[in-house]
């Protein structure tokens, strides 16, 4: 490997980790804004979305530069291809954080709705999956990435239980319908964040071992 390729790959790694930190922060703030009814924090997430979008474009261009100039092979090629995919997934997570923040702003202007315990649980599970998938990326740790895959079923379970709890509440008290629907939408967004954390973990496994575990091949 040439010195220039090594330098550019290290730069790519730093950039994707910076992107991950920005997105993880956005998710954490969005969840806190909704749970704690903090409109100002939600607005902070919304203002930061353009920065995440700009970062995603810059990283994609950097990947194209590495591919064009160095024509990497084997593990180096796997790394660049994985960064391209992870970069896109992280940008989508940033969008989902913004969607949650928008709901948080809306809910903060309405009477408080007691959140089912499953919402707090799905929030914590999603935060952990994002943190651990990024740690796995930093460390190129396939085993840690596999641990993230194993947590996805828990998020799906919480999502189903939350829908059932809110459905029962809406039947009992139609006045809460609009607020409950917004919380349901946030739960869907968090479930999707967890899916994207799973995607990132699958790419980490690919980089670390060359093993493809997408489409249900892990387990």
N, C-alpha and C. Protein backbone atom coordinates (compact mmCIF):
# COMPACT_ATOMS: atom_id res chain seq x y z
N UNK A 1 0.85 -1.20 0.00
CA UNK A 1 0.00 0.00 0.00
C UNK A 1 0.89 1.25 0.00
N UNK A 2 0.54 2.22 -0.87
CA UNK A 2 1.33 3.44 -0.93
C UNK A 2 1.03 4.33 0.27
N UNK A 3 1.97 5.21 0.54
CA UNK A 3 1.79 6.16 1.64
C UNK A 3 0.56 7.03 1.39
N UNK A 4 0.36 7.42 0.13
CA UNK A 4 -0.77 8.30 -0.19
C UNK A 4 -2.11 7.59 0.02
N UNK A 5 -2.18 6.32 -0.35
CA UNK A 5 -3.41 5.56 -0.12
C UNK A 5 -3.69 5.42 1.37
N UNK A 6 -2.67 5.08 2.14
CA UNK A 6 -2.84 4.95 3.58
C UNK A 6 -3.33 6.25 4.19
N UNK A 7 -2.74 7.36 3.75
CA UNK A 7 -3.16 8.67 4.27
C UNK A 7 -4.62 8.94 3.95
N UNK A 8 -5.03 8.67 2.70
CA UNK A 8 -6.41 8.94 2.31
C UNK A 8 -7.40 8.02 3.01
N UNK A 9 -7.01 6.78 3.24
CA UNK A 9 -7.89 5.86 3.96
C UNK A 9 -8.05 6.29 5.42
N UNK A 10 -6.98 6.74 6.03
CA UNK A 10 -7.07 7.23 7.41
C UNK A 10 -7.95 8.47 7.49
N UNK A 11 -7.85 9.32 6.47
CA UNK A 11 -8.71 10.51 6.43
C UNK A 11 -10.18 10.10 6.31
N UNK A 12 -10.46 9.12 5.43
CA UNK A 12 -11.82 8.62 5.29
C UNK A 12 -12.36 8.09 6.60
N UNK A 13 -11.52 7.35 7.33
CA UNK A 13 -11.96 6.79 8.61
C UNK A 13 -12.31 7.89 9.58
N UNK A 14 -11.48 8.92 9.66
CA UNK A 14 -11.77 10.03 10.57
C UNK A 14 -13.07 10.73 10.19
N UNK A 15 -13.27 10.91 8.89
CA UNK A 15 -14.46 11.61 8.44
C UNK A 15 -15.74 10.83 8.73
N UNK A 16 -15.72 9.52 8.50
CA UNK A 16 -16.94 8.73 8.75
C UNK A 16 -17.21 8.63 10.25
N UNK A 17 -16.16 8.65 11.05
CA UNK A 17 -16.36 8.65 12.50
C UNK A 17 -16.92 9.99 12.98
N UNK A 18 -16.46 11.08 12.38
CA UNK A 18 -17.03 12.39 12.70
C UNK A 18 -18.51 12.43 12.33
N UNK A 19 -18.83 11.88 11.16
CA UNK A 19 -20.23 11.82 10.72
C UNK A 19 -21.06 11.00 11.72
N UNK A 20 -20.50 9.88 12.14
CA UNK A 20 -21.20 9.04 13.11
C UNK A 20 -21.47 9.78 14.41
N UNK A 21 -20.49 10.54 14.88
CA UNK A 21 -20.66 11.29 16.12
C UNK A 21 -21.75 12.35 15.98
N UNK A 22 -21.80 13.02 14.83
CA UNK A 22 -22.83 14.03 14.59
C UNK A 22 -24.22 13.41 14.61
N UNK A 23 -24.34 12.26 13.96
CA UNK A 23 -25.64 11.61 13.85
C UNK A 23 -26.08 11.03 15.20
N UNK A 24 -25.14 10.40 15.90
CA UNK A 24 -25.47 9.85 17.22
C UNK A 24 -25.97 10.96 18.15
N UNK A 25 -25.30 12.11 18.11
CA UNK A 25 -25.72 13.24 18.93
C UNK A 25 -27.13 13.71 18.54
N UNK A 26 -27.42 13.74 17.24
CA UNK A 26 -28.74 14.17 16.79
C UNK A 26 -29.83 13.23 17.30
N UNK A 27 -29.57 11.92 17.24
CA UNK A 27 -30.55 10.95 17.73
C UNK A 27 -30.78 11.12 19.22
N UNK A 28 -29.70 11.24 19.98
CA UNK A 28 -29.83 11.39 21.43
C UNK A 28 -30.61 12.66 21.79
N UNK A 29 -30.30 13.74 21.10
CA UNK A 29 -31.00 15.01 21.38
C UNK A 29 -32.48 14.92 21.00
N UNK A 30 -32.77 14.27 19.88
CA UNK A 30 -34.16 14.17 19.43
C UNK A 30 -35.00 13.38 20.42
N UNK A 31 -34.44 12.26 20.91
CA UNK A 31 -35.16 11.46 21.89
C UNK A 31 -35.39 12.25 23.18
N UNK A 32 -34.33 12.91 23.65
CA UNK A 32 -34.46 13.72 24.88
C UNK A 32 -35.45 14.85 24.69
N UNK A 33 -35.45 15.47 23.52
CA UNK A 33 -36.37 16.58 23.25
C UNK A 33 -37.81 16.11 23.34
N UNK A 34 -38.08 14.91 22.85
CA UNK A 34 -39.45 14.40 22.88
C UNK A 34 -39.85 13.99 24.29
N UNK A 35 -38.99 13.21 24.94
CA UNK A 35 -39.33 12.69 26.27
C UNK A 35 -39.46 13.82 27.28
N UNK A 36 -38.54 14.79 27.22
CA UNK A 36 -38.51 15.87 28.21
C UNK A 36 -39.24 17.14 27.76
N UNK A 37 -39.87 17.08 26.57
CA UNK A 37 -40.65 18.22 26.05
C UNK A 37 -39.78 19.48 25.96
N UNK A 38 -38.62 19.34 25.32
CA UNK A 38 -37.66 20.44 25.20
C UNK A 38 -37.64 20.92 23.74
N UNK A 39 -38.47 21.91 23.45
CA UNK A 39 -38.58 22.39 22.07
C UNK A 39 -37.25 22.97 21.58
N UNK A 40 -36.54 23.68 22.43
CA UNK A 40 -35.28 24.30 22.01
C UNK A 40 -34.27 23.23 21.56
N UNK A 41 -34.26 22.10 22.26
CA UNK A 41 -33.34 21.02 21.89
C UNK A 41 -33.76 20.41 20.55
N UNK A 42 -35.06 20.28 20.34
CA UNK A 42 -35.54 19.77 19.06
C UNK A 42 -35.15 20.70 17.91
N UNK A 43 -35.26 21.99 18.14
CA UNK A 43 -34.87 22.96 17.11
C UNK A 43 -33.37 22.86 16.81
N UNK A 44 -32.59 22.55 17.81
CA UNK A 44 -31.15 22.37 17.61
C UNK A 44 -30.88 21.20 16.66
N UNK A 45 -31.64 20.12 16.82
CA UNK A 45 -31.51 18.98 15.92
C UNK A 45 -31.86 19.38 14.49
N UNK A 46 -32.94 20.12 14.34
CA UNK A 46 -33.38 20.53 13.01
C UNK A 46 -32.36 21.44 12.33
N UNK A 47 -31.75 22.32 13.10
CA UNK A 47 -30.75 23.22 12.51
C UNK A 47 -29.50 22.44 12.07
N UNK A 48 -29.21 21.35 12.76
CA UNK A 48 -28.00 20.59 12.44
C UNK A 48 -28.13 19.66 11.26
N UNK A 49 -29.35 19.49 10.73
CA UNK A 49 -29.54 18.51 9.66
C UNK A 49 -28.78 18.88 8.39
N UNK A 50 -28.71 20.17 8.06
CA UNK A 50 -27.97 20.58 6.87
C UNK A 50 -26.49 20.25 6.99
N UNK A 51 -25.94 20.36 8.19
CA UNK A 51 -24.53 20.03 8.38
C UNK A 51 -24.28 18.55 8.11
N UNK A 52 -25.22 17.70 8.56
CA UNK A 52 -25.10 16.27 8.31
C UNK A 52 -25.19 15.98 6.81
N UNK A 53 -26.10 16.66 6.13
CA UNK A 53 -26.24 16.47 4.68
C UNK A 53 -24.95 16.88 3.96
N UNK A 54 -24.39 18.01 4.36
CA UNK A 54 -23.15 18.47 3.73
C UNK A 54 -22.01 17.49 3.96
N UNK A 55 -21.95 16.95 5.16
CA UNK A 55 -20.90 15.98 5.50
C UNK A 55 -21.04 14.73 4.64
N UNK A 56 -22.28 14.28 4.45
CA UNK A 56 -22.52 13.07 3.65
C UNK A 56 -22.01 13.26 2.22
N UNK A 57 -22.28 14.42 1.64
CA UNK A 57 -21.83 14.69 0.27
C UNK A 57 -20.31 14.74 0.21
N UNK A 58 -19.68 15.38 1.19
CA UNK A 58 -18.22 15.49 1.19
C UNK A 58 -17.57 14.12 1.29
N UNK A 59 -18.10 13.25 2.14
CA UNK A 59 -17.51 11.91 2.30
C UNK A 59 -17.68 11.10 1.02
N UNK A 60 -18.83 11.20 0.39
CA UNK A 60 -19.03 10.48 -0.87
C UNK A 60 -18.01 10.91 -1.92
N UNK A 61 -17.76 12.21 -2.00
CA UNK A 61 -16.76 12.71 -2.95
C UNK A 61 -15.36 12.21 -2.60
N UNK A 62 -15.06 12.15 -1.31
CA UNK A 62 -13.75 11.63 -0.88
C UNK A 62 -13.59 10.16 -1.27
N UNK A 63 -14.66 9.38 -1.13
CA UNK A 63 -14.61 7.97 -1.52
C UNK A 63 -14.37 7.82 -3.02
N UNK A 64 -15.06 8.65 -3.80
CA UNK A 64 -14.87 8.60 -5.24
C UNK A 64 -13.43 8.94 -5.62
N UNK A 65 -12.85 9.91 -4.90
CA UNK A 65 -11.47 10.30 -5.16
C UNK A 65 -10.51 9.14 -4.89
N UNK A 66 -10.72 8.44 -3.77
CA UNK A 66 -9.85 7.31 -3.43
C UNK A 66 -9.96 6.20 -4.48
N UNK A 67 -11.19 5.91 -4.90
CA UNK A 67 -11.39 4.87 -5.90
C UNK A 67 -10.74 5.24 -7.23
N UNK A 68 -10.87 6.51 -7.62
CA UNK A 68 -10.33 6.95 -8.91
C UNK A 68 -8.80 7.03 -8.90
N UNK A 69 -8.23 7.53 -7.83
CA UNK A 69 -6.79 7.77 -7.79
C UNK A 69 -5.98 6.53 -7.45
N UNK A 70 -6.51 5.69 -6.57
CA UNK A 70 -5.70 4.59 -6.02
C UNK A 70 -6.13 3.20 -6.49
N UNK A 71 -7.38 3.08 -6.97
CA UNK A 71 -7.90 1.78 -7.38
C UNK A 71 -7.57 0.69 -6.35
N UNK A 72 -8.04 0.87 -5.12
CA UNK A 72 -7.71 -0.07 -4.04
C UNK A 72 -8.28 -1.46 -4.31
N UNK A 73 -7.67 -2.46 -3.70
CA UNK A 73 -8.12 -3.85 -3.86
C UNK A 73 -8.25 -4.49 -2.48
N UNK A 74 -8.86 -5.69 -2.47
CA UNK A 74 -8.97 -6.52 -1.27
C UNK A 74 -9.59 -5.74 -0.11
N UNK A 75 -8.95 -5.78 1.06
CA UNK A 75 -9.54 -5.19 2.26
C UNK A 75 -9.68 -3.68 2.13
N UNK A 76 -8.76 -3.02 1.42
CA UNK A 76 -8.87 -1.57 1.24
C UNK A 76 -10.10 -1.22 0.40
N UNK A 77 -10.36 -2.00 -0.64
CA UNK A 77 -11.55 -1.77 -1.45
C UNK A 77 -12.81 -2.02 -0.62
N UNK A 78 -12.81 -3.09 0.17
CA UNK A 78 -13.97 -3.36 1.03
C UNK A 78 -14.24 -2.19 1.97
N UNK A 79 -13.18 -1.61 2.50
CA UNK A 79 -13.33 -0.50 3.43
C UNK A 79 -13.99 0.71 2.74
N UNK A 80 -13.51 1.07 1.56
CA UNK A 80 -14.06 2.23 0.86
C UNK A 80 -15.52 1.99 0.50
N UNK A 81 -15.84 0.80 0.01
CA UNK A 81 -17.23 0.49 -0.34
C UNK A 81 -18.12 0.53 0.89
N UNK A 82 -17.60 0.04 2.01
CA UNK A 82 -18.37 0.06 3.25
C UNK A 82 -18.61 1.49 3.72
N UNK A 83 -17.60 2.34 3.60
CA UNK A 83 -17.77 3.75 4.00
C UNK A 83 -18.86 4.41 3.17
N UNK A 84 -18.90 4.11 1.87
CA UNK A 84 -19.96 4.67 1.02
C UNK A 84 -21.34 4.28 1.55
N UNK A 85 -21.51 3.02 1.91
CA UNK A 85 -22.80 2.55 2.38
C UNK A 85 -23.12 3.09 3.77
N UNK A 86 -22.15 3.06 4.67
CA UNK A 86 -22.36 3.55 6.02
C UNK A 86 -22.68 5.05 5.99
N UNK A 87 -21.99 5.77 5.13
CA UNK A 87 -22.22 7.21 4.99
C UNK A 87 -23.67 7.49 4.64
N UNK A 88 -24.20 6.73 3.69
CA UNK A 88 -25.60 6.91 3.29
C UNK A 88 -26.55 6.54 4.42
N UNK A 89 -26.24 5.45 5.12
CA UNK A 89 -27.09 5.03 6.24
C UNK A 89 -27.10 6.09 7.35
N UNK A 90 -25.94 6.66 7.63
CA UNK A 90 -25.87 7.68 8.68
C UNK A 90 -26.66 8.93 8.30
N UNK A 91 -26.61 9.31 7.03
CA UNK A 91 -27.40 10.47 6.61
C UNK A 91 -28.88 10.20 6.80
N UNK A 92 -29.31 8.97 6.52
CA UNK A 92 -30.72 8.61 6.71
C UNK A 92 -31.09 8.62 8.19
N UNK A 93 -30.18 8.19 9.05
CA UNK A 93 -30.43 8.27 10.49
C UNK A 93 -30.59 9.74 10.91
N UNK A 94 -29.76 10.61 10.34
CA UNK A 94 -29.89 12.03 10.64
C UNK A 94 -31.26 12.57 10.25
N UNK A 95 -31.77 12.12 9.09
CA UNK A 95 -33.11 12.53 8.66
C UNK A 95 -34.17 12.05 9.65
N UNK A 96 -34.02 10.81 10.12
CA UNK A 96 -34.99 10.27 11.07
C UNK A 96 -34.95 11.03 12.39
N UNK A 97 -33.75 11.42 12.82
CA UNK A 97 -33.65 12.24 14.03
C UNK A 97 -34.39 13.55 13.85
N UNK A 98 -34.30 14.13 12.65
CA UNK A 98 -35.02 15.38 12.37
C UNK A 98 -36.54 15.16 12.39
N UNK A 99 -36.97 14.04 11.87
CA UNK A 99 -38.41 13.75 11.90
C UNK A 99 -38.91 13.63 13.34
N UNK A 100 -38.12 12.98 14.20
CA UNK A 100 -38.50 12.87 15.61
C UNK A 100 -38.52 14.26 16.25
N UNK A 101 -37.53 15.08 15.90
CA UNK A 101 -37.46 16.44 16.46
C UNK A 101 -38.68 17.26 16.04
N UNK A 102 -39.13 17.09 14.79
CA UNK A 102 -40.33 17.80 14.34
C UNK A 102 -41.55 17.39 15.17
N UNK A 103 -41.65 16.09 15.45
CA UNK A 103 -42.76 15.61 16.29
C UNK A 103 -42.62 16.15 17.71
N UNK A 104 -41.38 16.25 18.19
CA UNK A 104 -41.16 16.77 19.54
C UNK A 104 -41.63 18.21 19.66
N UNK A 105 -41.36 19.00 18.62
CA UNK A 105 -41.83 20.40 18.61
C UNK A 105 -43.35 20.44 18.66
N UNK A 106 -43.99 19.60 17.84
CA UNK A 106 -45.45 19.57 17.81
C UNK A 106 -46.04 19.14 19.14
N UNK A 107 -45.48 18.09 19.73
CA UNK A 107 -46.02 17.58 21.00
C UNK A 107 -45.78 18.54 22.15
N UNK A 108 -44.68 19.28 22.10
CA UNK A 108 -44.39 20.22 23.18
C UNK A 108 -45.43 21.33 23.26
N UNK A 109 -46.11 21.59 22.16
CA UNK A 109 -47.13 22.64 22.13
C UNK A 109 -48.50 22.14 22.56
N UNK A 110 -48.61 20.85 22.87
CA UNK A 110 -49.89 20.24 23.25
C UNK A 110 -49.81 19.75 24.69
N UNK A 111 -50.95 19.44 25.30
CA UNK A 111 -50.92 18.89 26.66
C UNK A 111 -50.05 17.63 26.71
N UNK A 112 -49.37 17.45 27.81
CA UNK A 112 -48.45 16.31 27.94
C UNK A 112 -49.21 14.99 27.87
N UNK A 113 -48.59 14.04 27.19
CA UNK A 113 -49.13 12.68 27.11
C UNK A 113 -48.15 11.76 27.81
N UNK A 114 -48.64 11.00 28.79
CA UNK A 114 -47.76 10.06 29.46
C UNK A 114 -47.28 9.02 28.45
N UNK A 115 -45.96 8.92 28.30
CA UNK A 115 -45.42 7.98 27.32
C UNK A 115 -45.41 6.57 27.90
N UNK A 116 -45.83 5.59 27.11
CA UNK A 116 -45.75 4.21 27.60
C UNK A 116 -44.30 3.84 27.91
N UNK A 117 -44.11 2.92 28.83
CA UNK A 117 -42.76 2.51 29.21
C UNK A 117 -41.99 1.96 28.02
N UNK A 118 -42.71 1.40 27.04
CA UNK A 118 -42.04 0.84 25.87
C UNK A 118 -41.33 1.91 25.04
N UNK A 119 -41.83 3.15 25.11
CA UNK A 119 -41.16 4.20 24.33
C UNK A 119 -39.80 4.50 24.92
N UNK A 120 -39.75 4.59 26.23
CA UNK A 120 -38.45 4.81 26.89
C UNK A 120 -37.50 3.66 26.57
N UNK A 121 -38.05 2.44 26.58
CA UNK A 121 -37.22 1.26 26.32
C UNK A 121 -36.70 1.26 24.88
N UNK A 122 -37.57 1.56 23.92
CA UNK A 122 -37.12 1.55 22.53
C UNK A 122 -36.10 2.67 22.29
N UNK A 123 -36.27 3.78 23.00
CA UNK A 123 -35.29 4.85 22.90
C UNK A 123 -33.93 4.43 23.41
N UNK A 124 -33.91 3.77 24.55
CA UNK A 124 -32.64 3.32 25.13
C UNK A 124 -31.99 2.24 24.27
N UNK A 125 -32.78 1.30 23.77
CA UNK A 125 -32.24 0.25 22.91
C UNK A 125 -31.64 0.84 21.63
N UNK A 126 -32.34 1.80 21.05
CA UNK A 126 -31.86 2.41 19.82
C UNK A 126 -30.58 3.19 20.05
N UNK A 127 -30.54 3.95 21.14
CA UNK A 127 -29.31 4.68 21.48
C UNK A 127 -28.14 3.71 21.62
N UNK A 128 -28.38 2.60 22.32
CA UNK A 128 -27.30 1.63 22.54
C UNK A 128 -26.83 1.00 21.23
N UNK A 129 -27.78 0.67 20.37
CA UNK A 129 -27.40 0.07 19.09
C UNK A 129 -26.59 1.06 18.25
N UNK A 130 -26.97 2.33 18.25
CA UNK A 130 -26.20 3.32 17.50
C UNK A 130 -24.79 3.46 18.08
N UNK A 131 -24.72 3.55 19.40
CA UNK A 131 -23.40 3.70 20.04
C UNK A 131 -22.50 2.50 19.75
N UNK A 132 -23.07 1.30 19.86
CA UNK A 132 -22.25 0.10 19.70
C UNK A 132 -21.89 -0.15 18.24
N UNK A 133 -22.77 0.18 17.30
CA UNK A 133 -22.40 -0.01 15.90
C UNK A 133 -21.28 0.94 15.51
N UNK A 134 -21.28 2.15 16.09
CA UNK A 134 -20.20 3.10 15.81
C UNK A 134 -18.91 2.68 16.50
N UNK A 135 -19.02 2.14 17.71
CA UNK A 135 -17.83 1.60 18.38
C UNK A 135 -17.24 0.45 17.56
N UNK A 136 -18.12 -0.40 17.04
CA UNK A 136 -17.66 -1.52 16.20
C UNK A 136 -16.96 -1.00 14.96
N UNK A 137 -17.48 0.09 14.39
CA UNK A 137 -16.86 0.69 13.21
C UNK A 137 -15.48 1.23 13.54
N UNK A 138 -15.37 1.94 14.66
CA UNK A 138 -14.08 2.50 15.08
C UNK A 138 -13.04 1.40 15.26
N UNK A 139 -13.47 0.32 15.88
CA UNK A 139 -12.54 -0.75 16.25
C UNK A 139 -12.45 -1.87 15.20
N UNK A 140 -13.26 -1.76 14.14
CA UNK A 140 -13.40 -2.85 13.15
C UNK A 140 -13.60 -4.16 13.89
N UNK A 141 -14.60 -4.16 14.77
CA UNK A 141 -14.84 -5.28 15.68
C UNK A 141 -16.09 -6.05 15.22
N UNK A 142 -15.86 -7.19 14.58
CA UNK A 142 -16.97 -7.97 14.04
C UNK A 142 -17.86 -8.53 15.15
N UNK A 143 -17.27 -8.92 16.27
CA UNK A 143 -18.07 -9.51 17.34
C UNK A 143 -19.00 -8.48 17.98
N UNK A 144 -18.49 -7.27 18.18
CA UNK A 144 -19.34 -6.21 18.71
C UNK A 144 -20.46 -5.90 17.72
N UNK A 145 -20.14 -5.91 16.44
CA UNK A 145 -21.16 -5.67 15.41
C UNK A 145 -22.23 -6.75 15.45
N UNK A 146 -21.82 -8.00 15.63
CA UNK A 146 -22.81 -9.09 15.71
C UNK A 146 -23.73 -8.90 16.93
N UNK A 147 -23.18 -8.35 18.00
CA UNK A 147 -24.00 -8.08 19.17
C UNK A 147 -25.10 -7.06 18.88
N UNK A 148 -24.81 -6.10 18.00
CA UNK A 148 -25.83 -5.13 17.60
C UNK A 148 -26.95 -5.83 16.84
N UNK A 149 -26.58 -6.75 15.95
CA UNK A 149 -27.59 -7.49 15.18
C UNK A 149 -28.56 -8.22 16.12
N UNK A 150 -28.02 -8.75 17.21
CA UNK A 150 -28.84 -9.54 18.13
C UNK A 150 -29.86 -8.69 18.89
N UNK A 151 -29.64 -7.37 18.94
CA UNK A 151 -30.54 -6.50 19.70
C UNK A 151 -31.75 -6.03 18.90
N UNK A 152 -31.73 -6.24 17.59
CA UNK A 152 -32.79 -5.68 16.76
C UNK A 152 -34.16 -6.27 17.08
N UNK A 153 -34.21 -7.54 17.45
CA UNK A 153 -35.50 -8.16 17.79
C UNK A 153 -36.14 -7.48 19.00
N UNK A 154 -35.31 -7.03 19.94
CA UNK A 154 -35.85 -6.33 21.12
C UNK A 154 -36.52 -5.03 20.74
N UNK A 155 -35.94 -4.32 19.78
CA UNK A 155 -36.56 -3.07 19.31
C UNK A 155 -37.90 -3.37 18.64
N UNK A 156 -37.92 -4.40 17.81
CA UNK A 156 -39.18 -4.76 17.14
C UNK A 156 -40.27 -5.12 18.15
N UNK A 157 -39.88 -5.85 19.20
CA UNK A 157 -40.85 -6.23 20.24
C UNK A 157 -41.41 -4.99 20.94
N UNK A 158 -40.53 -4.07 21.33
CA UNK A 158 -40.98 -2.85 22.00
C UNK A 158 -41.90 -2.04 21.10
N UNK A 159 -41.56 -1.99 19.83
CA UNK A 159 -42.38 -1.23 18.87
C UNK A 159 -43.79 -1.80 18.81
N UNK A 160 -43.91 -3.13 18.73
CA UNK A 160 -45.24 -3.76 18.69
C UNK A 160 -46.02 -3.50 19.97
N UNK A 161 -45.35 -3.65 21.11
CA UNK A 161 -46.01 -3.46 22.39
C UNK A 161 -46.47 -2.02 22.58
N UNK A 162 -45.65 -1.06 22.11
CA UNK A 162 -46.02 0.34 22.22
C UNK A 162 -47.26 0.64 21.39
N UNK A 163 -47.32 0.09 20.19
CA UNK A 163 -48.51 0.29 19.35
C UNK A 163 -49.75 -0.25 20.04
N UNK A 164 -49.63 -1.42 20.64
CA UNK A 164 -50.78 -2.01 21.32
C UNK A 164 -51.22 -1.15 22.50
N UNK A 165 -50.25 -0.65 23.27
CA UNK A 165 -50.58 0.18 24.43
C UNK A 165 -51.25 1.48 24.00
N UNK A 166 -50.73 2.13 22.95
CA UNK A 166 -51.32 3.38 22.50
C UNK A 166 -52.67 3.17 21.83
N UNK A 167 -52.82 2.06 21.14
CA UNK A 167 -54.12 1.75 20.53
C UNK A 167 -55.20 1.62 21.60
N UNK A 168 -54.86 0.92 22.68
CA UNK A 168 -55.82 0.76 23.76
C UNK A 168 -56.15 2.11 24.41
N UNK A 169 -55.14 2.96 24.53
CA UNK A 169 -55.38 4.26 25.14
C UNK A 169 -56.27 5.14 24.25
N UNK A 170 -56.06 5.07 22.93
CA UNK A 170 -56.89 5.86 22.02
C UNK A 170 -58.34 5.41 22.04
N UNK A 171 -58.56 4.10 22.16
CA UNK A 171 -59.93 3.57 22.24
C UNK A 171 -60.60 4.05 23.53
N UNK A 172 -59.83 4.07 24.61
CA UNK A 172 -60.38 4.48 25.90
C UNK A 172 -60.63 5.98 25.97
N UNK A 173 -59.80 6.78 25.29
CA UNK A 173 -59.91 8.24 25.37
C UNK A 173 -59.56 8.86 24.01
N UNK A 174 -60.56 9.09 23.17
CA UNK A 174 -60.31 9.64 21.83
C UNK A 174 -59.60 10.99 21.83
N UNK A 175 -59.60 11.68 22.96
CA UNK A 175 -58.94 12.99 23.01
C UNK A 175 -57.43 12.89 22.82
N UNK A 176 -56.87 11.72 23.04
CA UNK A 176 -55.42 11.57 22.94
C UNK A 176 -54.98 11.09 21.56
N UNK A 177 -55.92 10.91 20.64
CA UNK A 177 -55.60 10.26 19.36
C UNK A 177 -54.48 10.97 18.62
N UNK A 178 -54.57 12.28 18.43
CA UNK A 178 -53.58 12.98 17.61
C UNK A 178 -52.19 12.89 18.23
N UNK A 179 -52.13 13.01 19.57
CA UNK A 179 -50.82 12.93 20.23
C UNK A 179 -50.28 11.50 20.19
N UNK A 180 -51.16 10.54 20.39
CA UNK A 180 -50.72 9.14 20.35
C UNK A 180 -50.20 8.76 18.98
N UNK A 181 -50.83 9.27 17.93
CA UNK A 181 -50.36 8.98 16.58
C UNK A 181 -48.97 9.56 16.33
N UNK A 182 -48.71 10.72 16.91
CA UNK A 182 -47.37 11.31 16.75
C UNK A 182 -46.32 10.46 17.47
N UNK A 183 -46.66 9.96 18.65
CA UNK A 183 -45.73 9.09 19.36
C UNK A 183 -45.50 7.80 18.58
N UNK A 184 -46.56 7.27 17.99
CA UNK A 184 -46.41 6.07 17.15
C UNK A 184 -45.45 6.32 15.99
N UNK A 185 -45.59 7.49 15.39
CA UNK A 185 -44.69 7.83 14.27
C UNK A 185 -43.24 7.88 14.75
N UNK A 186 -43.02 8.44 15.93
CA UNK A 186 -41.66 8.49 16.47
C UNK A 186 -41.12 7.09 16.74
N UNK A 187 -41.99 6.21 17.21
CA UNK A 187 -41.57 4.83 17.44
C UNK A 187 -41.15 4.16 16.12
N UNK A 188 -41.90 4.43 15.07
CA UNK A 188 -41.54 3.89 13.75
C UNK A 188 -40.18 4.42 13.31
N UNK A 189 -39.94 5.71 13.56
CA UNK A 189 -38.65 6.30 13.19
C UNK A 189 -37.51 5.63 13.97
N UNK A 190 -37.73 5.39 15.26
CA UNK A 190 -36.70 4.75 16.06
C UNK A 190 -36.45 3.32 15.61
N UNK A 191 -37.52 2.63 15.25
CA UNK A 191 -37.35 1.27 14.73
C UNK A 191 -36.49 1.29 13.47
N UNK A 192 -36.69 2.31 12.64
CA UNK A 192 -35.90 2.42 11.41
C UNK A 192 -34.45 2.77 11.73
N UNK A 193 -34.23 3.61 12.74
CA UNK A 193 -32.85 3.90 13.16
C UNK A 193 -32.14 2.60 13.56
N UNK A 194 -32.86 1.76 14.31
CA UNK A 194 -32.28 0.48 14.73
C UNK A 194 -31.95 -0.39 13.51
N UNK A 195 -32.83 -0.38 12.51
CA UNK A 195 -32.55 -1.13 11.28
C UNK A 195 -31.28 -0.63 10.60
N UNK A 196 -31.10 0.68 10.59
CA UNK A 196 -29.91 1.25 9.95
C UNK A 196 -28.65 0.97 10.77
N UNK A 197 -28.78 0.94 12.10
CA UNK A 197 -27.64 0.52 12.94
C UNK A 197 -27.26 -0.92 12.62
N UNK A 198 -28.27 -1.75 12.34
CA UNK A 198 -28.01 -3.12 11.93
C UNK A 198 -27.27 -3.15 10.59
N UNK A 199 -27.71 -2.32 9.65
CA UNK A 199 -27.03 -2.25 8.35
C UNK A 199 -25.56 -1.88 8.52
N UNK A 200 -25.30 -0.88 9.37
CA UNK A 200 -23.92 -0.44 9.60
C UNK A 200 -23.10 -1.57 10.20
N UNK A 201 -23.69 -2.30 11.14
CA UNK A 201 -22.99 -3.43 11.76
C UNK A 201 -22.66 -4.50 10.73
N UNK A 202 -23.58 -4.73 9.80
CA UNK A 202 -23.32 -5.71 8.75
C UNK A 202 -22.14 -5.29 7.88
N UNK A 203 -22.01 -3.98 7.64
CA UNK A 203 -20.88 -3.49 6.86
C UNK A 203 -19.57 -3.64 7.63
N UNK A 204 -19.63 -3.45 8.95
CA UNK A 204 -18.43 -3.64 9.77
C UNK A 204 -17.95 -5.09 9.67
N UNK A 205 -18.89 -6.02 9.74
CA UNK A 205 -18.53 -7.44 9.61
C UNK A 205 -17.90 -7.71 8.25
N UNK A 206 -18.45 -7.07 7.22
CA UNK A 206 -17.90 -7.23 5.87
C UNK A 206 -16.47 -6.71 5.79
N UNK A 207 -16.23 -5.53 6.35
CA UNK A 207 -14.88 -4.96 6.33
C UNK A 207 -13.91 -5.83 7.12
N UNK A 208 -14.36 -6.31 8.28
CA UNK A 208 -13.46 -7.05 9.17
C UNK A 208 -13.12 -8.44 8.63
N UNK A 209 -14.09 -9.08 7.97
CA UNK A 209 -13.89 -10.49 7.62
C UNK A 209 -14.16 -10.83 6.16
N UNK A 210 -14.78 -9.91 5.44
CA UNK A 210 -15.17 -10.21 4.07
C UNK A 210 -16.46 -11.01 3.99
N UNK A 211 -17.07 -11.30 5.15
CA UNK A 211 -18.29 -12.09 5.20
C UNK A 211 -19.51 -11.21 4.96
N UNK A 212 -20.40 -11.66 4.07
CA UNK A 212 -21.64 -10.94 3.78
C UNK A 212 -22.74 -11.53 4.66
N UNK A 213 -23.34 -10.69 5.51
CA UNK A 213 -24.36 -11.20 6.44
C UNK A 213 -25.69 -10.50 6.22
N UNK A 214 -25.86 -9.84 5.09
CA UNK A 214 -27.14 -9.19 4.78
C UNK A 214 -28.18 -10.24 4.41
N UNK A 215 -29.44 -9.78 4.33
CA UNK A 215 -30.56 -10.60 3.86
C UNK A 215 -30.76 -11.84 4.73
N UNK A 216 -30.61 -11.64 6.05
CA UNK A 216 -30.90 -12.74 6.96
C UNK A 216 -29.86 -13.82 7.01
N UNK A 217 -28.63 -13.53 6.52
CA UNK A 217 -27.61 -14.58 6.53
C UNK A 217 -26.89 -14.70 7.85
N UNK A 218 -27.15 -13.77 8.79
CA UNK A 218 -26.55 -13.89 10.11
C UNK A 218 -27.53 -14.63 11.01
N UNK A 219 -27.01 -15.05 12.15
CA UNK A 219 -27.96 -15.63 13.12
C UNK A 219 -27.48 -16.91 13.68
